[in-house]
Amino acid sequence: MWKIVSVLALVGLLSGAAAQGAVTAAPSNTAPPKISGGNHEGDTLTATSGSWSGSTPMSFHYRWRRCNSSGGNCRDIDGAKSQTYRLSGDDIGHRIRVSVTAQNSSGSANALSGATATIAKGLQPANTAAPVISGTPRDGQTLATTNGGWANSPTSFSYQWKHCDTRGANCSNVGGNHSTYKVDRGDIGSTIRVVVRARNRYGGTAAVSNPTGVVGEQPAAPGIVTPPTIAGTARDGQT
């Protein structure tokens, strides 16, 4: 009987130790971290932690690394220790990886992501829809333009109005840097276009509107054709 009790006690101890080992297992990576985001200066990269086995709770720490154009010879990027990283000019021509450290009460382990594509210079604004002029093309009237549609986050716009022939060609600059233009007599018989230039920190790109219709004159002022006449009897009290 004593032997049976001793065996049962030993089995219990072994089972408890095994259970304790399972509960307190150190992290082990089962799928590497991944990076999402663009590959141009100014883009923001985001890392996943990857997949891990081991006891919970588990915390994750990130270190972004700048590598050569083959994805090797990587070095930690100073201060880049969050789950996101904004690409800078120093990253151009390099590839980026992220190292994730998983940690729990039993230990820690590291896993390295694959490398991004080679980082390129930031993108200038790209036009997606031409500017559009509104208003009546007539002497004395004011025209206005939209900025058009743009990709790559423009931060400012400038404007150049142009006086063109009836086909919208052979243009010359008129007006100042404004989104509106007041038509004058010098534009009569011509068409008007506008060039909108969008800028961001990486450069500027221009887009041109379609031409307006041919600018016409203001309607002529009223002129007397037949003078007014008076009806009635010119006598005190009459209408």
Protein backbone atom coordinates (compact mmCIF):
# COMPACT_ATOMS: atom_id res chain seq x y z
CA MET A 1 0.00 0.00 0.00
CA TRP A 2 2.84 2.38 0.85
CA LYS A 3 4.45 1.69 -2.51
CA ILE A 4 1.22 2.49 -4.33
CA VAL A 5 0.88 5.79 -2.48
CA SER A 6 4.52 6.68 -3.21
CA VAL A 7 4.09 5.95 -6.91
CA LEU A 8 0.93 8.05 -7.05
CA ALA A 9 2.69 10.90 -5.27
CA LEU A 10 5.61 10.73 -7.69
CA VAL A 11 3.27 10.75 -10.67
CA GLY A 12 1.52 13.77 -9.19
CA LEU A 13 4.80 15.61 -8.74
CA LEU A 14 5.89 14.87 -12.31
CA SER A 15 2.53 15.95 -13.68
CA GLY A 16 2.68 19.18 -11.71
CA ALA A 17 6.19 19.89 -12.95
CA ALA A 18 5.13 19.23 -16.54
CA ALA A 19 2.12 21.50 -16.15
CA GLN A 20 4.28 24.19 -14.58
CA GLY A 21 6.78 23.88 -17.46
CA ALA A 22 3.98 24.29 -20.01
CA VAL A 23 2.62 27.36 -18.24
CA THR A 24 6.00 29.06 -17.96
CA ALA A 25 7.46 28.24 -21.38
CA ALA A 26 9.71 30.94 -22.87
CA PRO A 27 8.64 32.55 -26.17
CA SER A 28 9.40 30.71 -29.40
CA ASN A 29 8.75 32.23 -32.83
CA THR A 30 6.47 30.26 -35.14
CA ALA A 31 6.02 32.87 -37.91
CA PRO A 32 8.34 35.86 -38.53
CA PRO A 33 7.25 39.50 -38.26
CA LYS A 34 6.03 41.23 -41.42
CA ILE A 35 6.32 44.82 -42.64
CA SER A 36 3.58 46.69 -44.51
CA GLY A 37 3.70 50.13 -46.13
CA GLY A 38 5.31 51.83 -49.12
CA ASN A 39 8.96 51.99 -50.11
CA HIS A 40 9.39 55.72 -50.70
CA GLU A 41 10.92 58.38 -48.49
CA GLY A 42 8.17 59.77 -46.26
CA ASP A 43 6.10 56.56 -46.25
CA THR A 44 5.28 54.95 -42.88
CA LEU A 45 6.08 51.28 -42.31
CA THR A 46 4.12 49.15 -39.82
CA ALA A 47 5.37 45.88 -38.29
CA THR A 48 3.39 42.89 -37.09
CA SER A 49 4.81 40.99 -34.11
CA GLY A 50 4.69 37.64 -35.92
CA SER A 51 3.39 34.47 -34.27
CA TRP A 52 4.79 33.01 -31.05
CA SER A 53 4.34 30.05 -28.74
CA GLY A 54 5.01 30.25 -25.02
CA SER A 55 3.31 31.39 -21.87
CA THR A 56 1.28 34.56 -21.67
CA PRO A 57 1.17 37.45 -20.99
CA MET A 58 3.85 38.24 -23.56
CA SER A 59 5.24 41.68 -24.49
CA PHE A 60 6.85 42.73 -27.77
CA HIS A 61 9.66 45.18 -28.48
CA TYR A 62 10.67 46.49 -31.91
CA ARG A 63 14.00 47.57 -33.40
CA TRP A 64 14.05 48.86 -36.98
CA ARG A 65 17.20 48.06 -38.95
CA ARG A 66 18.72 49.69 -42.07
CA CYS A 67 20.32 47.16 -44.42
CA ASN A 68 22.25 47.25 -47.67
CA SER A 69 20.57 46.89 -51.07
CA SER A 70 20.71 43.10 -50.71
CA GLY A 71 19.00 43.13 -47.31
CA GLY A 72 22.19 42.25 -45.41
CA ASN A 73 24.74 44.05 -43.21
CA CYS A 74 21.90 45.57 -41.15
CA ARG A 75 22.37 48.18 -38.43
CA ASP A 76 19.90 49.44 -35.84
CA ILE A 77 18.32 52.81 -36.67
CA ASP A 78 18.77 55.25 -33.79
CA GLY A 79 15.53 55.84 -31.89
CA ALA A 80 13.42 53.57 -34.13
CA LYS A 81 11.82 51.37 -31.47
CA SER A 82 8.06 51.64 -32.02
CA GLN A 83 5.77 49.45 -34.10
CA THR A 84 5.82 52.03 -36.92
CA TYR A 85 8.70 53.72 -38.70
CA ARG A 86 8.64 56.71 -41.10
CA LEU A 87 11.18 56.39 -43.92
CA SER A 88 13.69 59.22 -44.20
CA GLY A 89 16.20 60.42 -46.77
CA ASP A 90 18.88 58.33 -45.00
CA ASP A 91 16.99 55.18 -46.05
CA ILE A 92 17.14 55.87 -49.82
CA GLY A 93 19.00 53.05 -51.57
CA HIS A 94 18.70 50.74 -48.53
CA ARG A 95 16.28 48.01 -47.49
CA ILE A 96 14.59 47.91 -44.08
CA ARG A 97 13.99 45.05 -41.65
CA VAL A 98 12.45 44.94 -38.19
CA SER A 99 13.62 42.81 -35.29
CA VAL A 100 10.92 41.81 -32.77
CA THR A 101 11.74 40.64 -29.27
CA ALA A 102 9.03 38.66 -27.48
CA GLN A 103 9.34 38.50 -23.69
CA ASN A 104 7.51 36.76 -20.84
CA SER A 105 8.31 35.74 -17.28
CA SER A 106 10.38 32.77 -18.48
CA GLY A 107 12.63 34.55 -20.98
CA SER A 108 12.79 36.25 -24.35
CA ALA A 109 13.49 35.48 -28.00
CA ASN A 110 14.10 37.48 -31.18
CA ALA A 111 12.73 37.15 -34.70
CA LEU A 112 13.73 39.14 -37.81
CA SER A 113 11.39 40.13 -40.62
CA GLY A 114 12.12 39.90 -44.30
CA ALA A 115 13.51 43.00 -46.02
CA THR A 116 11.44 45.68 -47.75
CA ALA A 117 12.03 46.66 -51.36
CA THR A 118 14.84 49.16 -51.87
CA ILE A 119 13.77 52.56 -50.56
CA ALA A 120 13.38 55.25 -53.23
CA LYS A 121 13.23 59.04 -53.16
CA GLY A 122 9.92 60.56 -52.05
CA LEU A 123 7.21 61.03 -54.65
CA GLN A 124 6.32 64.44 -56.04
CA PRO A 125 2.62 65.29 -56.44
CA ALA A 126 0.97 63.43 -59.32
CA ASN A 127 -2.05 64.90 -61.11
CA THR A 128 -5.13 62.68 -61.24
CA ALA A 129 -7.68 65.21 -62.57
CA ALA A 130 -7.02 68.44 -64.51
CA PRO A 131 -7.97 71.85 -63.07
CA VAL A 132 -11.36 73.17 -64.22
CA ILE A 133 -12.17 76.83 -64.97
CA SER A 134 -15.60 78.19 -64.08
CA GLY A 135 -17.16 81.53 -65.02
CA THR A 136 -18.18 83.34 -68.21
CA PRO A 137 -15.34 84.14 -70.64
CA ARG A 138 -16.37 87.75 -71.28
CA ASP A 139 -14.67 91.09 -70.85
CA GLY A 140 -15.01 92.23 -67.23
CA GLN A 141 -16.05 88.84 -65.84
CA THR A 142 -14.05 86.86 -63.23
CA LEU A 143 -12.94 83.28 -63.87
CA ALA A 144 -12.02 80.82 -61.08
CA THR A 145 -10.15 77.51 -61.11
CA THR A 146 -10.17 74.36 -59.04
CA ASN A 147 -6.86 72.78 -58.03
CA GLY A 148 -7.72 69.56 -59.81
CA GLY A 149 -7.03 66.15 -58.29
CA TRP A 150 -3.65 65.11 -56.90
CA ALA A 151 -1.88 62.12 -55.35
CA ASN A 152 1.12 62.12 -52.98
CA SER A 153 -0.15 64.78 -50.58
CA PRO A 154 0.55 68.25 -52.04
CA THR A 155 1.15 70.90 -49.40
CA SER A 156 0.77 74.05 -51.55
CA PHE A 157 -0.55 75.25 -54.92
CA SER A 158 0.39 78.10 -57.26
CA TYR A 159 -1.40 79.43 -60.35
CA GLN A 160 -0.48 80.89 -63.73
CA TRP A 161 -3.22 82.13 -66.04
CA LYS A 162 -2.58 82.08 -69.79
CA HIS A 163 -3.97 84.00 -72.76
CA CYS A 164 -4.15 81.65 -75.80
CA ASP A 165 -5.37 81.63 -79.38
CA THR A 166 -8.80 80.34 -80.34
CA ARG A 167 -7.49 76.75 -80.37
CA GLY A 168 -6.03 77.03 -76.88
CA ALA A 169 -2.45 77.12 -78.23
CA ASN A 170 0.31 79.76 -78.49
CA CYS A 171 -0.29 80.89 -74.93
CA SER A 172 1.33 83.73 -73.00
CA ASN A 173 1.25 84.47 -69.29
CA VAL A 174 -1.30 86.91 -67.87
CA GLY A 175 -2.46 87.71 -64.34
CA GLY A 176 -0.81 86.93 -61.03
CA ASN A 177 -0.57 83.95 -58.71
CA HIS A 178 -4.27 83.74 -57.82
CA SER A 179 -6.97 81.12 -58.20
CA THR A 180 -9.16 83.76 -59.93
CA TYR A 181 -8.62 85.93 -63.03
CA LYS A 182 -10.53 88.98 -64.23
CA VAL A 183 -10.94 88.98 -67.99
CA ASP A 184 -10.13 92.27 -69.75
CA ARG A 185 -10.48 93.72 -73.24
CA GLY A 186 -7.06 92.38 -74.22
CA ASP A 187 -8.46 88.85 -73.96
CA ILE A 188 -11.34 89.40 -76.41
CA GLY A 189 -11.13 86.92 -79.27
CA SER A 190 -8.79 84.61 -77.31
CA THR A 191 -9.21 81.68 -74.94
CA ILE A 192 -7.97 81.37 -71.35
CA ARG A 193 -6.19 78.47 -69.65
CA VAL A 194 -4.65 78.08 -66.20
CA VAL A 195 -1.63 76.09 -65.04
CA VAL A 196 -1.84 74.80 -61.46
CA ARG A 197 1.42 73.68 -59.84
CA ALA A 198 1.21 71.40 -56.79
CA ARG A 199 4.18 71.08 -54.43
CA ASN A 200 5.30 68.91 -51.54
CA ARG A 201 8.67 68.44 -49.84
CA TYR A 202 9.93 66.34 -52.75
CA GLY A 203 9.22 68.78 -55.61
CA GLY A 204 6.50 70.26 -57.79
CA THR A 205 4.32 69.10 -60.69
CA ALA A 206 2.16 71.21 -63.06
CA ALA A 207 -1.23 70.47 -64.60
CA VAL A 208 -3.04 72.60 -67.21
CA SER A 209 -6.78 73.16 -67.65
CA ASN A 210 -8.73 72.91 -70.85
CA PRO A 211 -9.22 76.27 -72.61
CA THR A 212 -12.32 78.36 -72.05
CA GLY A 213 -14.55 79.35 -74.91
CA VAL A 214 -13.50 82.40 -76.95
CA VAL A 215 -13.69 85.56 -74.84
CA GLY A 216 -16.46 87.90 -75.96
CA GLU A 217 -17.26 91.57 -75.41
CA GLN A 218 -19.63 92.88 -72.79
CA PRO A 219 -23.11 93.51 -74.21
CA ALA A 220 -23.34 97.02 -75.65
CA ALA A 221 -24.86 99.74 -73.47
CA PRO A 222 -28.51 100.59 -74.28
CA GLY A 223 -28.96 103.04 -77.18
CA ILE A 224 -32.04 105.17 -78.07
CA VAL A 225 -33.84 103.88 -81.12
CA THR A 226 -37.17 105.65 -80.63
CA PRO A 227 -37.57 108.43 -78.06
CA PRO A 228 -40.29 108.08 -75.41
CA THR A 229 -43.71 109.72 -76.08
CA ILE A 230 -46.29 111.25 -73.74
CA ALA A 231 -50.00 110.56 -73.99
CA GLY A 232 -52.73 112.60 -72.39
CA THR A 233 -53.95 116.22 -72.32
CA ALA A 234 -51.54 118.81 -71.02
CA ARG A 235 -54.07 120.54 -68.73
CA ASP A 236 -54.21 121.16 -64.98
CA GLY A 237 -55.58 118.08 -63.22
CA GLN A 238 -55.15 115.73 -66.18
CA THR A 239 -52.91 112.68 -66.16
